[in-house]
Amino acid sequence: MPVDAPSGTPAGRSGAALDRGPQGRPPERPAPERPASRPWRPLLRWGLLAVGLAFIVVGIYQGGAIDVLHKAALICLECIGIG
């Protein structure tokens, strides 16, 4: 493909499509504007974390951890052909 001497871009193409920043990378775009602050987000995160931990604790007290471990062992043994 022929190259224009002054710009170094392939002939027939505009230089705008091939603009590069320093070190041959495309120029950085400005960060998009963030929406207004959402004060409820940290509260939602901590609330969901608390609910998740509560469910884990309830499951442990109901013996769910033993059931899960037993099922996992059976599945593992089935995979290797023993169970």
PDB file of N, CA and C in Angstrom:
ATOM      1  N   MET A   1       0.848  -1.168   0.000  1.00  0.00           N
ATOM      2  CA  MET A   1       0.000   0.000   0.000  1.00  0.00           C
ATOM      3  C   MET A   1       0.894   1.231   0.000  1.00  0.00           C
ATOM      4  N   PRO A   2       0.676   2.192  -0.916  1.00  0.00           N
ATOM      5  CA  PRO A   2       1.509   3.392  -0.965  1.00  0.00           C
ATOM      6  C   PRO A   2       1.293   4.253   0.279  1.00  0.00           C
ATOM      7  N   VAL A   3       2.340   4.951   0.666  1.00  0.00           N
ATOM      8  CA  VAL A   3       2.290   5.786   1.865  1.00  0.00           C
ATOM      9  C   VAL A   3       2.555   7.225   1.469  1.00  0.00           C
ATOM     10  N   ASP A   4       1.739   8.147   2.048  1.00  0.00           N
ATOM     11  CA  ASP A   4       1.975   9.575   1.843  1.00  0.00           C
ATOM     12  C   ASP A   4       3.242   9.966   2.585  1.00  0.00           C
ATOM     13  N   ALA A   5       4.114  10.697   1.928  1.00  0.00           N
ATOM     14  CA  ALA A   5       5.395  11.058   2.539  1.00  0.00           C
ATOM     15  C   ALA A   5       5.251  11.987   3.747  1.00  0.00           C
ATOM     16  N   PRO A   6       4.475  13.100   3.658  1.00  0.00           N
ATOM     17  CA  PRO A   6       4.480  14.024   4.793  1.00  0.00           C
ATOM     18  C   PRO A   6       3.844  13.445   6.060  1.00  0.00           C
ATOM     19  N   SER A   7       2.751  12.731   5.924  1.00  0.00           N
ATOM     20  CA  SER A   7       2.042  12.303   7.134  1.00  0.00           C
ATOM     21  C   SER A   7       2.386  10.884   7.560  1.00  0.00           C
ATOM     22  N   GLY A   8       2.847  10.058   6.645  1.00  0.00           N
ATOM     23  CA  GLY A   8       3.167   8.681   6.972  1.00  0.00           C
ATOM     24  C   GLY A   8       1.940   7.780   7.042  1.00  0.00           C
ATOM     25  N   THR A   9       0.777   8.301   6.624  1.00  0.00           N
ATOM     26  CA  THR A   9      -0.443   7.497   6.649  1.00  0.00           C
ATOM     27  C   THR A   9      -0.622   6.828   5.302  1.00  0.00           C
ATOM     28  N   PRO A  10      -1.284   5.668   5.272  1.00  0.00           N
ATOM     29  CA  PRO A  10      -1.525   5.022   3.986  1.00  0.00           C
ATOM     30  C   PRO A  10      -2.309   5.941   3.064  1.00  0.00           C
ATOM     31  N   ALA A  11      -1.987   5.894   1.786  1.00  0.00           N
ATOM     32  CA  ALA A  11      -2.638   6.757   0.813  1.00  0.00           C
ATOM     33  C   ALA A  11      -4.128   6.441   0.750  1.00  0.00           C
ATOM     34  N   GLY A  12      -4.934   7.478   0.665  1.00  0.00           N
ATOM     35  CA  GLY A  12      -6.362   7.300   0.544  1.00  0.00           C
ATOM     36  C   GLY A  12      -7.085   7.218   1.885  1.00  0.00           C
ATOM     37  N   ARG A  13      -6.357   7.270   2.984  1.00  0.00           N
ATOM     38  CA  ARG A  13      -6.997   7.230   4.300  1.00  0.00           C
ATOM     39  C   ARG A  13      -6.711   8.546   5.016  1.00  0.00           C
ATOM     40  N   SER A  14      -7.681   8.950   5.800  1.00  0.00           N
ATOM     41  CA  SER A  14      -7.462  10.185   6.536  1.00  0.00           C
ATOM     42  C   SER A  14      -6.600   9.898   7.751  1.00  0.00           C
ATOM     43  N   GLY A  15      -5.826  10.858   8.158  1.00  0.00           N
ATOM     44  CA  GLY A  15      -4.969  10.694   9.318  1.00  0.00           C
ATOM     45  C   GLY A  15      -5.747  10.652  10.620  1.00  0.00           C
ATOM     46  N   ALA A  16      -6.993  11.153  10.635  1.00  0.00           N
ATOM     47  CA  ALA A  16      -7.777  11.203  11.874  1.00  0.00           C
ATOM     48  C   ALA A  16      -8.072   9.806  12.405  1.00  0.00           C
ATOM     49  N   ALA A  17      -8.287   8.862  11.520  1.00  0.00           N
ATOM     50  CA  ALA A  17      -8.603   7.505  11.971  1.00  0.00           C
ATOM     51  C   ALA A  17      -7.380   6.813  12.546  1.00  0.00           C
ATOM     52  N   LEU A  18      -6.192   7.305  12.229  1.00  0.00           N
ATOM     53  CA  LEU A  18      -4.975   6.656  12.678  1.00  0.00           C
ATOM     54  C   LEU A  18      -4.221   7.475  13.713  1.00  0.00           C
ATOM     55  N   ASP A  19      -4.870   8.507  14.274  1.00  0.00           N
ATOM     56  CA  ASP A  19      -4.195   9.330  15.280  1.00  0.00           C
ATOM     57  C   ASP A  19      -3.778   8.469  16.449  1.00  0.00           C
ATOM     58  N   ARG A  20      -2.556   8.677  16.887  1.00  0.00           N
ATOM     59  CA  ARG A  20      -2.036   7.929  18.016  1.00  0.00           C
ATOM     60  C   ARG A  20      -1.468   8.906  19.021  1.00  0.00           C
ATOM     61  N   GLY A  21      -1.565   8.549  20.264  1.00  0.00           N
ATOM     62  CA  GLY A  21      -0.983   9.362  21.322  1.00  0.00           C
ATOM     63  C   GLY A  21       0.464   8.989  21.512  1.00  0.00           C
ATOM     64  N   PRO A  22       1.015   9.338  22.675  1.00  0.00           N
ATOM     65  CA  PRO A  22       2.414   8.986  22.942  1.00  0.00           C
ATOM     66  C   PRO A  22       2.591   7.479  22.980  1.00  0.00           C
ATOM     67  N   GLN A  23       3.734   7.024  22.510  1.00  0.00           N
ATOM     68  CA  GLN A  23       4.112   5.615  22.507  1.00  0.00           C
ATOM     69  C   GLN A  23       3.185   4.755  21.650  1.00  0.00           C
ATOM     70  N   GLY A  24       2.546   5.348  20.653  1.00  0.00           N
ATOM     71  CA  GLY A  24       1.760   4.586  19.698  1.00  0.00           C
ATOM     72  C   GLY A  24       0.398   4.124  20.194  1.00  0.00           C
ATOM     73  N   ARG A  25      -0.025   4.556  21.369  1.00  0.00           N
ATOM     74  CA  ARG A  25      -1.344   4.163  21.879  1.00  0.00           C
ATOM     75  C   ARG A  25      -2.377   5.197  21.490  1.00  0.00           C
ATOM     76  N   PRO A  26      -3.653   4.786  21.404  1.00  0.00           N
ATOM     77  CA  PRO A  26      -4.697   5.776  21.119  1.00  0.00           C
ATOM     78  C   PRO A  26      -4.757   6.797  22.253  1.00  0.00           C
ATOM     79  N   PRO A  27      -5.132   8.025  21.957  1.00  0.00           N
ATOM     80  CA  PRO A  27      -5.213   9.033  23.020  1.00  0.00           C
ATOM     81  C   PRO A  27      -6.268   8.636  24.049  1.00  0.00           C
ATOM     82  N   GLU A  28      -6.026   8.997  25.305  1.00  0.00           N
ATOM     83  CA  GLU A  28      -6.958   8.642  26.374  1.00  0.00           C
ATOM     84  C   GLU A  28      -8.199   9.516  26.288  1.00  0.00           C
ATOM     85  N   ARG A  29      -9.331   8.878  26.563  1.00  0.00           N
ATOM     86  CA  ARG A  29     -10.590   9.618  26.570  1.00  0.00           C
ATOM     87  C   ARG A  29     -10.848  10.125  27.981  1.00  0.00           C
ATOM     88  N   PRO A  30     -11.540  11.241  28.094  1.00  0.00           N
ATOM     89  CA  PRO A  30     -11.872  11.714  29.441  1.00  0.00           C
ATOM     90  C   PRO A  30     -12.839  10.743  30.118  1.00  0.00           C
ATOM     91  N   ALA A  31     -12.749  10.660  31.426  1.00  0.00           N
ATOM     92  CA  ALA A  31     -13.620   9.749  32.174  1.00  0.00           C
ATOM     93  C   ALA A  31     -15.064  10.215  32.050  1.00  0.00           C
ATOM     94  N   PRO A  32     -16.015   9.264  31.915  1.00  0.00           N
ATOM     95  CA  PRO A  32     -17.418   9.674  31.826  1.00  0.00           C
ATOM     96  C   PRO A  32     -17.868  10.287  33.140  1.00  0.00           C
ATOM     97  N   GLU A  33     -18.799  11.198  33.041  1.00  0.00           N
ATOM     98  CA  GLU A  33     -19.283  11.846  34.250  1.00  0.00           C
ATOM     99  C   GLU A  33     -20.094  10.858  35.067  1.00  0.00           C
ATOM    100  N   ARG A  34     -19.852  10.865  36.364  1.00  0.00           N
ATOM    101  CA  ARG A  34     -20.561   9.953  37.259  1.00  0.00           C
ATOM    102  C   ARG A  34     -21.888  10.577  37.655  1.00  0.00           C
ATOM    103  N   PRO A  35     -22.901   9.728  37.857  1.00  0.00           N
ATOM    104  CA  PRO A  35     -24.181  10.262  38.311  1.00  0.00           C
ATOM    105  C   PRO A  35     -24.042  10.834  39.726  1.00  0.00           C
ATOM    106  N   ALA A  36     -25.065  11.498  40.157  1.00  0.00           N
ATOM    107  CA  ALA A  36     -25.052  12.086  41.498  1.00  0.00           C
ATOM    108  C   ALA A  36     -24.783  11.014  42.542  1.00  0.00           C
ATOM    109  N   SER A  37     -24.249  11.422  43.648  1.00  0.00           N
ATOM    110  CA  SER A  37     -23.894  10.491  44.718  1.00  0.00           C
ATOM    111  C   SER A  37     -25.116   9.692  45.162  1.00  0.00           C
ATOM    112  N   ARG A  38     -24.873   8.435  45.484  1.00  0.00           N
ATOM    113  CA  ARG A  38     -25.952   7.548  45.944  1.00  0.00           C
ATOM    114  C   ARG A  38     -25.627   7.123  47.369  1.00  0.00           C
ATOM    115  N   PRO A  39     -26.123   7.835  48.358  1.00  0.00           N
ATOM    116  CA  PRO A  39     -25.751   7.528  49.742  1.00  0.00           C
ATOM    117  C   PRO A  39     -26.282   6.189  50.236  1.00  0.00           C
ATOM    118  N   TRP A  40     -27.238   5.604  49.540  1.00  0.00           N
ATOM    119  CA  TRP A  40     -27.817   4.336  49.977  1.00  0.00           C
ATOM    120  C   TRP A  40     -26.984   3.141  49.548  1.00  0.00           C
ATOM    121  N   ARG A  41     -26.034   3.321  48.652  1.00  0.00           N
ATOM    122  CA  ARG A  41     -25.258   2.181  48.157  1.00  0.00           C
ATOM    123  C   ARG A  41     -24.430   1.482  49.235  1.00  0.00           C
ATOM    124  N   PRO A  42     -23.668   2.195  50.052  1.00  0.00           N
ATOM    125  CA  PRO A  42     -22.923   1.486  51.111  1.00  0.00           C
ATOM    126  C   PRO A  42     -23.855   0.767  52.076  1.00  0.00           C
ATOM    127  N   LEU A  43     -24.986   1.382  52.358  1.00  0.00           N
ATOM    128  CA  LEU A  43     -25.957   0.751  53.249  1.00  0.00           C
ATOM    129  C   LEU A  43     -26.491  -0.538  52.629  1.00  0.00           C
ATOM    130  N   LEU A  44     -26.752  -0.508  51.334  1.00  0.00           N
ATOM    131  CA  LEU A  44     -27.226  -1.705  50.637  1.00  0.00           C
ATOM    132  C   LEU A  44     -26.164  -2.794  50.657  1.00  0.00           C
ATOM    133  N   ARG A  45     -24.909  -2.441  50.404  1.00  0.00           N
ATOM    134  CA  ARG A  45     -23.826  -3.436  50.417  1.00  0.00           C
ATOM    135  C   ARG A  45     -23.684  -4.093  51.777  1.00  0.00           C
ATOM    136  N   TRP A  46     -23.641  -3.291  52.832  1.00  0.00           N
ATOM    137  CA  TRP A  46     -23.486  -3.850  54.176  1.00  0.00           C
ATOM    138  C   TRP A  46     -24.715  -4.653  54.582  1.00  0.00           C
ATOM    139  N   GLY A  47     -25.892  -4.197  54.153  1.00  0.00           N
ATOM    140  CA  GLY A  47     -27.115  -4.941  54.461  1.00  0.00           C
ATOM    141  C   GLY A  47     -27.122  -6.310  53.795  1.00  0.00           C
ATOM    142  N   LEU A  48     -26.735  -6.356  52.523  1.00  0.00           N
ATOM    143  CA  LEU A  48     -26.680  -7.642  51.820  1.00  0.00           C
ATOM    144  C   LEU A  48     -25.615  -8.560  52.414  1.00  0.00           C
ATOM    145  N   LEU A  49     -24.490  -7.995  52.831  1.00  0.00           N
ATOM    146  CA  LEU A  49     -23.459  -8.785  53.482  1.00  0.00           C
ATOM    147  C   LEU A  49     -23.983  -9.376  54.791  1.00  0.00           C
ATOM    148  N   ALA A  50     -24.694  -8.573  55.569  1.00  0.00           N
ATOM    149  CA  ALA A  50     -25.249  -9.059  56.837  1.00  0.00           C
ATOM    150  C   ALA A  50     -26.279 -10.157  56.609  1.00  0.00           C
ATOM    151  N   VAL A  51     -27.134  -9.994  55.606  1.00  0.00           N
ATOM    152  CA  VAL A  51     -28.145 -11.018  55.302  1.00  0.00           C
ATOM    153  C   VAL A  51     -27.462 -12.309  54.851  1.00  0.00           C
ATOM    154  N   GLY A  52     -26.437 -12.193  54.010  1.00  0.00           N
ATOM    155  CA  GLY A  52     -25.712 -13.375  53.545  1.00  0.00           C
ATOM    156  C   GLY A  52     -25.044 -14.119  54.685  1.00  0.00           C
ATOM    157  N   LEU A  53     -24.381 -13.368  55.577  1.00  0.00           N
ATOM    158  CA  LEU A  53     -23.751 -14.005  56.729  1.00  0.00           C
ATOM    159  C   LEU A  53     -24.780 -14.658  57.644  1.00  0.00           C
ATOM    160  N   ALA A  54     -25.930 -14.005  57.806  1.00  0.00           N
ATOM    161  CA  ALA A  54     -26.991 -14.592  58.640  1.00  0.00           C
ATOM    162  C   ALA A  54     -27.473 -15.909  58.039  1.00  0.00           C
ATOM    163  N   PHE A  55     -27.650 -15.965  56.729  1.00  0.00           N
ATOM    164  CA  PHE A  55     -28.075 -17.215  56.086  1.00  0.00           C
ATOM    165  C   PHE A  55     -27.019 -18.308  56.244  1.00  0.00           C
ATOM    166  N   ILE A  56     -25.749 -17.951  56.158  1.00  0.00           N
ATOM    167  CA  ILE A  56     -24.682 -18.933  56.343  1.00  0.00           C
ATOM    168  C   ILE A  56     -24.721 -19.496  57.757  1.00  0.00           C
ATOM    169  N   VAL A  57     -24.874 -18.614  58.741  1.00  0.00           N
ATOM    170  CA  VAL A  57     -24.920 -19.064  60.136  1.00  0.00           C
ATOM    171  C   VAL A  57     -26.129 -19.960  60.375  1.00  0.00           C
ATOM    172  N   VAL A  58     -27.292 -19.584  59.860  1.00  0.00           N
ATOM    173  CA  VAL A  58     -28.493 -20.405  60.019  1.00  0.00           C
ATOM    174  C   VAL A  58     -28.291 -21.766  59.357  1.00  0.00           C
ATOM    175  N   GLY A  59     -27.678 -21.784  58.177  1.00  0.00           N
ATOM    176  CA  GLY A  59     -27.434 -23.050  57.490  1.00  0.00           C
ATOM    177  C   GLY A  59     -26.496 -23.950  58.268  1.00  0.00           C
ATOM    178  N   ILE A  60     -25.474 -23.367  58.881  1.00  0.00           N
ATOM    179  CA  ILE A  60     -24.548 -24.169  59.689  1.00  0.00           C
ATOM    180  C   ILE A  60     -25.269 -24.755  60.892  1.00  0.00           C
ATOM    181  N   TYR A  61     -26.095 -23.959  61.573  1.00  0.00           N
ATOM    182  CA  TYR A  61     -26.818 -24.453  62.746  1.00  0.00           C
ATOM    183  C   TYR A  61     -27.841 -25.523  62.391  1.00  0.00           C
ATOM    184  N   GLN A  62     -28.354 -25.496  61.165  1.00  0.00           N
ATOM    185  CA  GLN A  62     -29.330 -26.505  60.755  1.00  0.00           C
ATOM    186  C   GLN A  62     -28.666 -27.759  60.193  1.00  0.00           C
ATOM    187  N   GLY A  63     -27.367 -27.814  60.198  1.00  0.00           N
ATOM    188  CA  GLY A  63     -26.653 -28.995  59.715  1.00  0.00           C
ATOM    189  C   GLY A  63     -26.419 -29.004  58.222  1.00  0.00           C
ATOM    190  N   GLY A  64     -26.576 -27.887  57.572  1.00  0.00           N
ATOM    191  CA  GLY A  64     -26.396 -27.809  56.119  1.00  0.00           C
ATOM    192  C   GLY A  64     -24.970 -28.039  55.681  1.00  0.00           C
ATOM    193  N   ALA A  65     -24.008 -27.652  56.515  1.00  0.00           N
ATOM    194  CA  ALA A  65     -22.605 -27.810  56.134  1.00  0.00           C
ATOM    195  C   ALA A  65     -22.241 -29.282  56.014  1.00  0.00           C
ATOM    196  N   ILE A  66     -22.760 -30.110  56.901  1.00  0.00           N
ATOM    197  CA  ILE A  66     -22.488 -31.549  56.855  1.00  0.00           C
ATOM    198  C   ILE A  66     -23.099 -32.151  55.592  1.00  0.00           C
ATOM    199  N   ASP A  67     -24.331 -31.733  55.262  1.00  0.00           N
ATOM    200  CA  ASP A  67     -24.985 -32.243  54.051  1.00  0.00           C
ATOM    201  C   ASP A  67     -24.202 -31.878  52.795  1.00  0.00           C
ATOM    202  N   VAL A  68     -23.751 -30.635  52.728  1.00  0.00           N
ATOM    203  CA  VAL A  68     -23.004 -30.178  51.554  1.00  0.00           C
ATOM    204  C   VAL A  68     -21.691 -30.943  51.435  1.00  0.00           C
ATOM    205  N   LEU A  69     -20.997 -31.137  52.539  1.00  0.00           N
ATOM    206  CA  LEU A  69     -19.745 -31.872  52.515  1.00  0.00           C
ATOM    207  C   LEU A  69     -19.967 -33.319  52.072  1.00  0.00           C
ATOM    208  N   HIS A  70     -21.038 -33.942  52.561  1.00  0.00           N
ATOM    209  CA  HIS A  70     -21.351 -35.327  52.187  1.00  0.00           C
ATOM    210  C   HIS A  70     -21.658 -35.432  50.688  1.00  0.00           C
ATOM    211  N   LYS A  71     -22.475 -34.503  50.181  1.00  0.00           N
ATOM    212  CA  LYS A  71     -22.811 -34.519  48.753  1.00  0.00           C
ATOM    213  C   LYS A  71     -21.575 -34.260  47.892  1.00  0.00           C
ATOM    214  N   ALA A  72     -20.706 -33.345  48.336  1.00  0.00           N
ATOM    215  CA  ALA A  72     -19.493 -33.051  47.575  1.00  0.00           C
ATOM    216  C   ALA A  72     -18.590 -34.274  47.507  1.00  0.00           C
ATOM    217  N   ALA A  73     -18.485 -35.001  48.616  1.00  0.00           N
ATOM    218  CA  ALA A  73     -17.654 -36.211  48.623  1.00  0.00           C
ATOM    219  C   ALA A  73     -18.225 -37.266  47.685  1.00  0.00           C
ATOM    220  N   LEU A  74     -19.546 -37.417  47.680  1.00  0.00           N
ATOM    221  CA  LEU A  74     -20.172 -38.397  46.781  1.00  0.00           C
ATOM    222  C   LEU A  74     -19.946 -38.027  45.313  1.00  0.00           C
ATOM    223  N   ILE A  75     -20.115 -36.762  45.002  1.00  0.00           N
ATOM    224  CA  ILE A  75     -19.909 -36.316  43.621  1.00  0.00           C
ATOM    225  C   ILE A  75     -18.460 -36.542  43.203  1.00  0.00           C
ATOM    226  N   CYS A  76     -17.523 -36.244  44.093  1.00  0.00           N
ATOM    227  CA  CYS A  76     -16.110 -36.418  43.787  1.00  0.00           C
ATOM    228  C   CYS A  76     -15.802 -37.911  43.547  1.00  0.00           C
ATOM    229  N   LEU A  77     -16.345 -38.744  44.389  1.00  0.00           N
ATOM    230  CA  LEU A  77     -16.103 -40.189  44.218  1.00  0.00           C
ATOM    231  C   LEU A  77     -16.733 -40.710  42.928  1.00  0.00           C
ATOM    232  N   GLU A  78     -17.904 -40.164  42.568  1.00  0.00           N
ATOM    233  CA  GLU A  78     -18.548 -40.581  41.315  1.00  0.00           C
ATOM    234  C   GLU A  78     -17.708 -40.155  40.117  1.00  0.00           C
ATOM    235  N   CYS A  79     -17.078 -38.997  40.211  1.00  0.00           N
ATOM    236  CA  CYS A  79     -16.277 -38.482  39.086  1.00  0.00           C
ATOM    237  C   CYS A  79     -15.077 -39.396  38.807  1.00  0.00           C
ATOM    238  N   ILE A  80     -14.489 -39.945  39.846  1.00  0.00           N
ATOM    239  CA  ILE A  80     -13.323 -40.799  39.616  1.00  0.00           C
ATOM    240  C   ILE A  80     -13.713 -42.263  39.492  1.00  0.00           C
ATOM    241  N   GLY A  81     -15.024 -42.547  39.560  1.00  0.00           N
ATOM    242  CA  GLY A  81     -15.495 -43.892  39.278  1.00  0.00           C
ATOM    243  C   GLY A  81     -15.537 -44.837  40.445  1.00  0.00           C
ATOM    244  N   ILE A  82     -15.445 -44.314  41.680  1.00  0.00           N
ATOM    245  CA  ILE A  82     -15.482 -45.209  42.843  1.00  0.00           C
ATOM    246  C   ILE A  82     -16.896 -45.298  43.398  1.00  0.00           C
ATOM    247  N   GLY A  83     -17.620 -44.193  43.421  1.00  0.00           N
ATOM    248  CA  GLY A  83     -18.929 -44.157  44.083  1.00  0.00           C
ATOM    249  C   GLY A  83     -19.962 -44.685  43.237  1.00  0.00           C
TER     250      GLY A  83
END
